[in-house]
Amino acid sequence: MLASKMSRGTLMADLLVKLQTIATIVATGGGTYIAFAGLHAWKREMKGRRDIELCQHVIAQFYEAEEKVRELRSPMSYPAVEIRGSTQA
């Protein structure tokens, strides 16, 4: 009877060691998956942020170009031209 109790205790200890090993493997795998998913999300966010900044810069450049074209096309942007023989002061 004593031998059967010892073997039962040994079996329980072996089972607990195996369960602990399995739990450690699952936790490590889960942690690795979460880390890679977070890294992927961070890379997407950085790419999106960079794209947005580029778009904002391009839009600002277009607005500046539009303003300069508008200044060039405005009749008030040219210097006054003096007409010969004019008596206007």
PDB file of N, CA and C in Angstrom:
ATOM      1  N   MET A   1       0.820  -1.187   0.000  1.00  0.00           N
ATOM      2  CA  MET A   1       0.000   0.000   0.000  1.00  0.00           C
ATOM      3  C   MET A   1       0.861   1.246   0.000  1.00  0.00           C
ATOM      4  N   LEU A   2       1.941   1.224   0.734  1.00  0.00           N
ATOM      5  CA  LEU A   2       2.844   2.353   0.798  1.00  0.00           C
ATOM      6  C   LEU A   2       3.478   2.602  -0.563  1.00  0.00           C
ATOM      7  N   ALA A   3       3.765   1.550  -1.285  1.00  0.00           N
ATOM      8  CA  ALA A   3       4.370   1.673  -2.609  1.00  0.00           C
ATOM      9  C   ALA A   3       3.392   2.331  -3.578  1.00  0.00           C
ATOM     10  N   SER A   4       2.109   2.005  -3.473  1.00  0.00           N
ATOM     11  CA  SER A   4       1.127   2.592  -4.373  1.00  0.00           C
ATOM     12  C   SER A   4       0.926   4.073  -4.068  1.00  0.00           C
ATOM     13  N   LYS A   5       1.013   4.473  -2.803  1.00  0.00           N
ATOM     14  CA  LYS A   5       0.902   5.889  -2.451  1.00  0.00           C
ATOM     15  C   LYS A   5       2.112   6.670  -2.961  1.00  0.00           C
ATOM     16  N   MET A   6       3.284   6.095  -2.901  1.00  0.00           N
ATOM     17  CA  MET A   6       4.483   6.768  -3.385  1.00  0.00           C
ATOM     18  C   MET A   6       4.438   6.911  -4.901  1.00  0.00           C
ATOM     19  N   SER A   7       3.972   5.884  -5.552  1.00  0.00           N
ATOM     20  CA  SER A   7       3.907   5.976  -7.004  1.00  0.00           C
ATOM     21  C   SER A   7       2.841   6.992  -7.425  1.00  0.00           C
ATOM     22  N   ARG A   8       1.764   7.062  -6.649  1.00  0.00           N
ATOM     23  CA  ARG A   8       0.717   8.032  -6.945  1.00  0.00           C
ATOM     24  C   ARG A   8       1.264   9.450  -6.762  1.00  0.00           C
ATOM     25  N   GLY A   9       2.039   9.673  -5.697  1.00  0.00           N
ATOM     26  CA  GLY A   9       2.650  10.979  -5.463  1.00  0.00           C
ATOM     27  C   GLY A   9       3.666  11.322  -6.532  1.00  0.00           C
ATOM     28  N   THR A  10       4.407  10.352  -6.973  1.00  0.00           N
ATOM     29  CA  THR A  10       5.386  10.567  -8.030  1.00  0.00           C
ATOM     30  C   THR A  10       4.691  10.889  -9.342  1.00  0.00           C
ATOM     31  N   LEU A  11       3.574  10.181  -9.606  1.00  0.00           N
ATOM     32  CA  LEU A  11       2.807  10.458 -10.822  1.00  0.00           C
ATOM     33  C   LEU A  11       2.238  11.876 -10.806  1.00  0.00           C
ATOM     34  N   MET A  12       1.741  12.310  -9.649  1.00  0.00           N
ATOM     35  CA  MET A  12       1.207  13.665  -9.521  1.00  0.00           C
ATOM     36  C   MET A  12       2.302  14.703  -9.721  1.00  0.00           C
ATOM     37  N   ALA A  13       3.469  14.438  -9.143  1.00  0.00           N
ATOM     38  CA  ALA A  13       4.584  15.372  -9.294  1.00  0.00           C
ATOM     39  C   ALA A  13       5.008  15.452 -10.757  1.00  0.00           C
ATOM     40  N   ASP A  14       5.079  14.324 -11.428  1.00  0.00           N
ATOM     41  CA  ASP A  14       5.438  14.315 -12.853  1.00  0.00           C
ATOM     42  C   ASP A  14       4.391  15.050 -13.686  1.00  0.00           C
ATOM     43  N   LEU A  15       3.124  14.819 -13.346  1.00  0.00           N
ATOM     44  CA  LEU A  15       2.039  15.496 -14.060  1.00  0.00           C
ATOM     45  C   LEU A  15       2.121  17.000 -13.865  1.00  0.00           C
ATOM     46  N   LEU A  16       2.372  17.440 -12.653  1.00  0.00           N
ATOM     47  CA  LEU A  16       2.485  18.879 -12.386  1.00  0.00           C
ATOM     48  C   LEU A  16       3.676  19.498 -13.111  1.00  0.00           C
ATOM     49  N   VAL A  17       4.786  18.781 -13.184  1.00  0.00           N
ATOM     50  CA  VAL A  17       5.961  19.276 -13.911  1.00  0.00           C
ATOM     51  C   VAL A  17       5.636  19.410 -15.398  1.00  0.00           C
ATOM     52  N   LYS A  18       4.940  18.421 -15.941  1.00  0.00           N
ATOM     53  CA  LYS A  18       4.563  18.481 -17.351  1.00  0.00           C
ATOM     54  C   LYS A  18       3.580  19.617 -17.624  1.00  0.00           C
ATOM     55  N   LEU A  19       2.616  19.791 -16.736  1.00  0.00           N
ATOM     56  CA  LEU A  19       1.659  20.899 -16.885  1.00  0.00           C
ATOM     57  C   LEU A  19       2.364  22.246 -16.799  1.00  0.00           C
ATOM     58  N   GLN A  20       3.320  22.340 -15.897  1.00  0.00           N
ATOM     59  CA  GLN A  20       4.071  23.583 -15.760  1.00  0.00           C
ATOM     60  C   GLN A  20       4.867  23.864 -17.039  1.00  0.00           C
ATOM     61  N   THR A  21       5.466  22.837 -17.609  1.00  0.00           N
ATOM     62  CA  THR A  21       6.222  22.999 -18.852  1.00  0.00           C
ATOM     63  C   THR A  21       5.302  23.437 -19.996  1.00  0.00           C
ATOM     64  N   ILE A  22       4.137  22.815 -20.090  1.00  0.00           N
ATOM     65  CA  ILE A  22       3.175  23.179 -21.134  1.00  0.00           C
ATOM     66  C   ILE A  22       2.701  24.613 -20.940  1.00  0.00           C
ATOM     67  N   ALA A  23       2.394  24.982 -19.699  1.00  0.00           N
ATOM     68  CA  ALA A  23       1.945  26.348 -19.428  1.00  0.00           C
ATOM     69  C   ALA A  23       3.033  27.359 -19.776  1.00  0.00           C
ATOM     70  N   THR A  24       4.277  27.038 -19.494  1.00  0.00           N
ATOM     71  CA  THR A  24       5.384  27.935 -19.818  1.00  0.00           C
ATOM     72  C   THR A  24       5.522  28.097 -21.328  1.00  0.00           C
ATOM     73  N   ILE A  25       5.386  26.995 -22.059  1.00  0.00           N
ATOM     74  CA  ILE A  25       5.480  27.056 -23.522  1.00  0.00           C
ATOM     75  C   ILE A  25       4.347  27.903 -24.094  1.00  0.00           C
ATOM     76  N   VAL A  26       3.131  27.697 -23.604  1.00  0.00           N
ATOM     77  CA  VAL A  26       1.972  28.446 -24.093  1.00  0.00           C
ATOM     78  C   VAL A  26       2.131  29.936 -23.765  1.00  0.00           C
ATOM     79  N   ALA A  27       2.562  30.248 -22.552  1.00  0.00           N
ATOM     80  CA  ALA A  27       2.736  31.651 -22.164  1.00  0.00           C
ATOM     81  C   ALA A  27       3.830  32.326 -22.985  1.00  0.00           C
ATOM     82  N   THR A  28       4.916  31.610 -23.232  1.00  0.00           N
ATOM     83  CA  THR A  28       5.998  32.170 -24.045  1.00  0.00           C
ATOM     84  C   THR A  28       5.535  32.404 -25.480  1.00  0.00           C
ATOM     85  N   GLY A  29       4.817  31.442 -26.030  1.00  0.00           N
ATOM     86  CA  GLY A  29       4.287  31.604 -27.386  1.00  0.00           C
ATOM     87  C   GLY A  29       3.301  32.756 -27.480  1.00  0.00           C
ATOM     88  N   GLY A  30       2.418  32.837 -26.489  1.00  0.00           N
ATOM     89  CA  GLY A  30       1.451  33.935 -26.475  1.00  0.00           C
ATOM     90  C   GLY A  30       2.125  35.291 -26.345  1.00  0.00           C
ATOM     91  N   GLY A  31       3.120  35.360 -25.482  1.00  0.00           N
ATOM     92  CA  GLY A  31       3.846  36.621 -25.308  1.00  0.00           C
ATOM     93  C   GLY A  31       4.590  37.024 -26.565  1.00  0.00           C
ATOM     94  N   THR A  32       5.176  36.043 -27.239  1.00  0.00           N
ATOM     95  CA  THR A  32       5.884  36.323 -28.488  1.00  0.00           C
ATOM     96  C   THR A  32       4.915  36.806 -29.557  1.00  0.00           C
ATOM     97  N   TYR A  33       3.757  36.163 -29.646  1.00  0.00           N
ATOM     98  CA  TYR A  33       2.745  36.586 -30.622  1.00  0.00           C
ATOM     99  C   TYR A  33       2.298  38.018 -30.352  1.00  0.00           C
ATOM    100  N   ILE A  34       2.024  38.339 -29.104  1.00  0.00           N
ATOM    101  CA  ILE A  34       1.579  39.686 -28.743  1.00  0.00           C
ATOM    102  C   ILE A  34       2.664  40.712 -29.051  1.00  0.00           C
ATOM    103  N   ALA A  35       3.923  40.351 -28.791  1.00  0.00           N
ATOM    104  CA  ALA A  35       5.027  41.272 -29.078  1.00  0.00           C
ATOM    105  C   ALA A  35       5.130  41.547 -30.577  1.00  0.00           C
ATOM    106  N   PHE A  36       5.046  40.498 -31.398  1.00  0.00           N
ATOM    107  CA  PHE A  36       5.130  40.701 -32.846  1.00  0.00           C
ATOM    108  C   PHE A  36       3.915  41.458 -33.376  1.00  0.00           C
ATOM    109  N   ALA A  37       2.740  41.199 -32.827  1.00  0.00           N
ATOM    110  CA  ALA A  37       1.547  41.935 -33.253  1.00  0.00           C
ATOM    111  C   ALA A  37       1.686  43.415 -32.899  1.00  0.00           C
ATOM    112  N   GLY A  38       2.214  43.705 -31.722  1.00  0.00           N
ATOM    113  CA  GLY A  38       2.438  45.101 -31.331  1.00  0.00           C
ATOM    114  C   GLY A  38       3.466  45.777 -32.210  1.00  0.00           C
ATOM    115  N   LEU A  39       4.530  45.071 -32.560  1.00  0.00           N
ATOM    116  CA  LEU A  39       5.548  45.628 -33.438  1.00  0.00           C
ATOM    117  C   LEU A  39       4.971  45.921 -34.815  1.00  0.00           C
ATOM    118  N   HIS A  40       4.156  45.015 -35.316  1.00  0.00           N
ATOM    119  CA  HIS A  40       3.529  45.218 -36.624  1.00  0.00           C
ATOM    120  C   HIS A  40       2.595  46.430 -36.588  1.00  0.00           C
ATOM    121  N   ALA A  41       1.822  46.563 -35.528  1.00  0.00           N
ATOM    122  CA  ALA A  41       0.919  47.708 -35.400  1.00  0.00           C
ATOM    123  C   ALA A  41       1.716  49.014 -35.323  1.00  0.00           C
ATOM    124  N   TRP A  42       2.826  48.996 -34.609  1.00  0.00           N
ATOM    125  CA  TRP A  42       3.663  50.190 -34.487  1.00  0.00           C
ATOM    126  C   TRP A  42       4.237  50.582 -35.847  1.00  0.00           C
ATOM    127  N   LYS A  43       4.690  49.587 -36.626  1.00  0.00           N
ATOM    128  CA  LYS A  43       5.233  49.880 -37.953  1.00  0.00           C
ATOM    129  C   LYS A  43       4.169  50.478 -38.864  1.00  0.00           C
ATOM    130  N   ARG A  44       2.943  49.940 -38.806  1.00  0.00           N
ATOM    131  CA  ARG A  44       1.851  50.499 -39.615  1.00  0.00           C
ATOM    132  C   ARG A  44       1.555  51.931 -39.204  1.00  0.00           C
ATOM    133  N   GLU A  45       1.545  52.181 -37.898  1.00  0.00           N
ATOM    134  CA  GLU A  45       1.272  53.525 -37.408  1.00  0.00           C
ATOM    135  C   GLU A  45       2.349  54.512 -37.872  1.00  0.00           C
ATOM    136  N   MET A  46       3.615  54.106 -37.790  1.00  0.00           N
ATOM    137  CA  MET A  46       4.702  54.986 -38.206  1.00  0.00           C
ATOM    138  C   MET A  46       4.636  55.269 -39.707  1.00  0.00           C
ATOM    139  N   LYS A  47       4.313  54.255 -40.501  1.00  0.00           N
ATOM    140  CA  LYS A  47       4.187  54.452 -41.943  1.00  0.00           C
ATOM    141  C   LYS A  47       3.021  55.388 -42.237  1.00  0.00           C
ATOM    142  N   GLY A  48       1.911  55.189 -41.562  1.00  0.00           N
ATOM    143  CA  GLY A  48       0.759  56.068 -41.749  1.00  0.00           C
ATOM    144  C   GLY A  48       1.063  57.491 -41.340  1.00  0.00           C
ATOM    145  N   ARG A  49       1.765  57.658 -40.235  1.00  0.00           N
ATOM    146  CA  ARG A  49       2.124  58.998 -39.768  1.00  0.00           C
ATOM    147  C   ARG A  49       3.040  59.688 -40.776  1.00  0.00           C
ATOM    148  N   ARG A  50       4.009  58.923 -41.313  1.00  0.00           N
ATOM    149  CA  ARG A  50       4.934  59.475 -42.301  1.00  0.00           C
ATOM    150  C   ARG A  50       4.179  59.867 -43.567  1.00  0.00           C
ATOM    151  N   ASP A  51       3.227  59.034 -44.002  1.00  0.00           N
ATOM    152  CA  ASP A  51       2.436  59.352 -45.188  1.00  0.00           C
ATOM    153  C   ASP A  51       1.595  60.604 -44.980  1.00  0.00           C
ATOM    154  N   ILE A  52       1.023  60.741 -43.803  1.00  0.00           N
ATOM    155  CA  ILE A  52       0.205  61.919 -43.503  1.00  0.00           C
ATOM    156  C   ILE A  52       1.065  63.176 -43.511  1.00  0.00           C
ATOM    157  N   GLU A  53       2.255  63.111 -42.902  1.00  0.00           N
ATOM    158  CA  GLU A  53       3.142  64.276 -42.895  1.00  0.00           C
ATOM    159  C   GLU A  53       3.555  64.651 -44.309  1.00  0.00           C
ATOM    160  N   LEU A  54       3.831  63.654 -45.152  1.00  0.00           N
ATOM    161  CA  LEU A  54       4.189  63.931 -46.536  1.00  0.00           C
ATOM    162  C   LEU A  54       3.017  64.592 -47.265  1.00  0.00           C
ATOM    163  N   CYS A  55       1.820  64.086 -47.074  1.00  0.00           N
ATOM    164  CA  CYS A  55       0.641  64.675 -47.720  1.00  0.00           C
ATOM    165  C   CYS A  55       0.427  66.112 -47.259  1.00  0.00           C
ATOM    166  N   GLN A  56       0.599  66.384 -45.979  1.00  0.00           N
ATOM    167  CA  GLN A  56       0.445  67.740 -45.478  1.00  0.00           C
ATOM    168  C   GLN A  56       1.480  68.672 -46.094  1.00  0.00           C
ATOM    169  N   HIS A  57       2.710  68.194 -46.243  1.00  0.00           N
ATOM    170  CA  HIS A  57       3.769  69.006 -46.842  1.00  0.00           C
ATOM    171  C   HIS A  57       3.443  69.296 -48.308  1.00  0.00           C
ATOM    172  N   VAL A  58       2.980  68.279 -49.040  1.00  0.00           N
ATOM    173  CA  VAL A  58       2.643  68.463 -50.453  1.00  0.00           C
ATOM    174  C   VAL A  58       1.483  69.444 -50.598  1.00  0.00           C
ATOM    175  N   ILE A  59       0.485  69.322 -49.761  1.00  0.00           N
ATOM    176  CA  ILE A  59      -0.659  70.237 -49.821  1.00  0.00           C
ATOM    177  C   ILE A  59      -0.215  71.669 -49.536  1.00  0.00           C
ATOM    178  N   ALA A  60       0.667  71.851 -48.545  1.00  0.00           N
ATOM    179  CA  ALA A  60       1.176  73.192 -48.238  1.00  0.00           C
ATOM    180  C   ALA A  60       1.932  73.758 -49.438  1.00  0.00           C
ATOM    181  N   GLN A  61       2.723  72.926 -50.107  1.00  0.00           N
ATOM    182  CA  GLN A  61       3.463  73.387 -51.286  1.00  0.00           C
ATOM    183  C   GLN A  61       2.500  73.775 -52.412  1.00  0.00           C
ATOM    184  N   PHE A  62       1.434  73.019 -52.606  1.00  0.00           N
ATOM    185  CA  PHE A  62       0.446  73.361 -53.630  1.00  0.00           C
ATOM    186  C   PHE A  62      -0.237  74.685 -53.317  1.00  0.00           C
ATOM    187  N   TYR A  63      -0.569  74.913 -52.039  1.00  0.00           N
ATOM    188  CA  TYR A  63      -1.197  76.180 -51.670  1.00  0.00           C
ATOM    189  C   TYR A  63      -0.242  77.349 -51.904  1.00  0.00           C
ATOM    190  N   GLU A  64       1.032  77.160 -51.593  1.00  0.00           N
ATOM    191  CA  GLU A  64       2.012  78.225 -51.845  1.00  0.00           C
ATOM    192  C   GLU A  64       2.147  78.487 -53.343  1.00  0.00           C
ATOM    193  N   ALA A  65       2.179  77.441 -54.140  1.00  0.00           N
ATOM    194  CA  ALA A  65       2.282  77.610 -55.596  1.00  0.00           C
ATOM    195  C   ALA A  65       1.039  78.304 -56.136  1.00  0.00           C
ATOM    196  N   GLU A  66      -0.122  77.922 -55.638  1.00  0.00           N
ATOM    197  CA  GLU A  66      -1.362  78.554 -56.081  1.00  0.00           C
ATOM    198  C   GLU A  66      -1.358  80.042 -55.756  1.00  0.00           C
ATOM    199  N   GLU A  67      -0.885  80.377 -54.564  1.00  0.00           N
ATOM    200  CA  GLU A  67      -0.823  81.781 -54.158  1.00  0.00           C
ATOM    201  C   GLU A  67       0.137  82.559 -55.056  1.00  0.00           C
ATOM    202  N   LYS A  68       1.273  81.983 -55.390  1.00  0.00           N
ATOM    203  CA  LYS A  68       2.236  82.672 -56.252  1.00  0.00           C
ATOM    204  C   LYS A  68       1.705  82.843 -57.659  1.00  0.00           C
ATOM    205  N   VAL A  69       1.010  81.834 -58.169  1.00  0.00           N
ATOM    206  CA  VAL A  69       0.404  81.965 -59.498  1.00  0.00           C
ATOM    207  C   VAL A  69      -0.660  83.049 -59.474  1.00  0.00           C
ATOM    208  N   ARG A  70      -1.439  83.093 -58.426  1.00  0.00           N
ATOM    209  CA  ARG A  70      -2.472  84.117 -58.300  1.00  0.00           C
ATOM    210  C   ARG A  70      -1.844  85.512 -58.248  1.00  0.00           C
ATOM    211  N   GLU A  71      -0.708  85.660 -57.550  1.00  0.00           N
ATOM    212  CA  GLU A  71      -0.010  86.957 -57.492  1.00  0.00           C
ATOM    213  C   GLU A  71       0.506  87.339 -58.871  1.00  0.00           C
ATOM    214  N   LEU A  72       1.030  86.362 -59.605  1.00  0.00           N
ATOM    215  CA  LEU A  72       1.549  86.662 -60.937  1.00  0.00           C
ATOM    216  C   LEU A  72       0.440  87.065 -61.904  1.00  0.00           C
ATOM    217  N   ARG A  73      -0.711  86.494 -61.764  1.00  0.00           N
ATOM    218  CA  ARG A  73      -1.815  86.786 -62.681  1.00  0.00           C
ATOM    219  C   ARG A  73      -2.565  88.049 -62.300  1.00  0.00           C
ATOM    220  N   SER A  74      -2.329  88.566 -61.115  1.00  0.00           N
ATOM    221  CA  SER A  74      -3.031  89.764 -60.666  1.00  0.00           C
ATOM    222  C   SER A  74      -2.470  90.995 -61.385  1.00  0.00           C
ATOM    223  N   PRO A  75      -3.329  91.845 -61.919  1.00  0.00           N
ATOM    224  CA  PRO A  75      -2.823  93.035 -62.608  1.00  0.00           C
ATOM    225  C   PRO A  75      -2.138  94.021 -61.650  1.00  0.00           C
ATOM    226  N   MET A  76      -2.418  93.937 -60.396  1.00  0.00           N
ATOM    227  CA  MET A  76      -1.824  94.872 -59.439  1.00  0.00           C
ATOM    228  C   MET A  76      -0.418  94.431 -59.020  1.00  0.00           C
ATOM    229  N   SER A  77       0.021  93.285 -59.466  1.00  0.00           N
ATOM    230  CA  SER A  77       1.323  92.797 -59.044  1.00  0.00           C
ATOM    231  C   SER A  77       2.459  93.331 -59.905  1.00  0.00           C
ATOM    232  N   TYR A  78       2.131  93.922 -61.056  1.00  0.00           N
ATOM    233  CA  TYR A  78       3.161  94.451 -61.940  1.00  0.00           C
ATOM    234  C   TYR A  78       3.505  95.877 -61.521  1.00  0.00           C
ATOM    235  N   PRO A  79       4.758  96.301 -61.686  1.00  0.00           N
ATOM    236  CA  PRO A  79       5.106  97.686 -61.365  1.00  0.00           C
ATOM    237  C   PRO A  79       4.464  98.637 -62.378  1.00  0.00           C
ATOM    238  N   ALA A  80       4.274  99.858 -61.959  1.00  0.00           N
ATOM    239  CA  ALA A  80       3.638 100.846 -62.834  1.00  0.00           C
ATOM    240  C   ALA A  80       4.537 101.116 -64.043  1.00  0.00           C
ATOM    241  N   VAL A  81       3.916 101.176 -65.190  1.00  0.00           N
ATOM    242  CA  VAL A  81       4.650 101.437 -66.429  1.00  0.00           C
ATOM    243  C   VAL A  81       4.408 102.897 -66.798  1.00  0.00           C
ATOM    244  N   GLU A  82       5.493 103.621 -67.055  1.00  0.00           N
ATOM    245  CA  GLU A  82       5.366 105.041 -67.407  1.00  0.00           C
ATOM    246  C   GLU A  82       5.201 105.156 -68.909  1.00  0.00           C
ATOM    247  N   ILE A  83       4.176 105.866 -69.321  1.00  0.00           N
ATOM    248  CA  ILE A  83       3.909 106.069 -70.735  1.00  0.00           C
ATOM    249  C   ILE A  83       4.596 107.368 -71.160  1.00  0.00           C
ATOM    250  N   ARG A  84       5.358 107.309 -72.279  1.00  0.00           N
ATOM    251  CA  ARG A  84       6.066 108.508 -72.766  1.00  0.00           C
ATOM    252  C   ARG A  84       5.067 109.543 -73.273  1.00  0.00           C
ATOM    253  N   GLY A  85       5.387 110.728 -72.966  1.00  0.00           N
ATOM    254  CA  GLY A  85       4.562 111.820 -73.408  1.00  0.00           C
ATOM    255  C   GLY A  85       3.372 112.059 -72.504  1.00  0.00           C
ATOM    256  N   SER A  86       3.286 111.312 -71.474  1.00  0.00           N
ATOM    257  CA  SER A  86       2.169 111.493 -70.569  1.00  0.00           C
ATOM    258  C   SER A  86       2.462 112.646 -69.634  1.00  0.00           C
ATOM    259  N   THR A  87       1.449 113.405 -69.342  1.00  0.00           N
ATOM    260  CA  THR A  87       1.628 114.545 -68.437  1.00  0.00           C
ATOM    261  C   THR A  87       1.145 114.220 -67.050  1.00  0.00           C
ATOM    262  N   GLN A  88       0.821 112.968 -66.861  1.00  0.00           N
ATOM    263  CA  GLN A  88       0.349 112.579 -65.528  1.00  0.00           C
ATOM    264  C   GLN A  88       1.533 112.499 -64.578  1.00  0.00           C
ATOM    265  N   ALA A  89       1.320 112.921 -63.382  1.00  0.00           N
ATOM    266  CA  ALA A  89       2.381 112.890 -62.407  1.00  0.00           C
ATOM    267  C   ALA A  89       2.196 111.771 -61.427  1.00  0.00           C
TER     268      ALA A  89
END
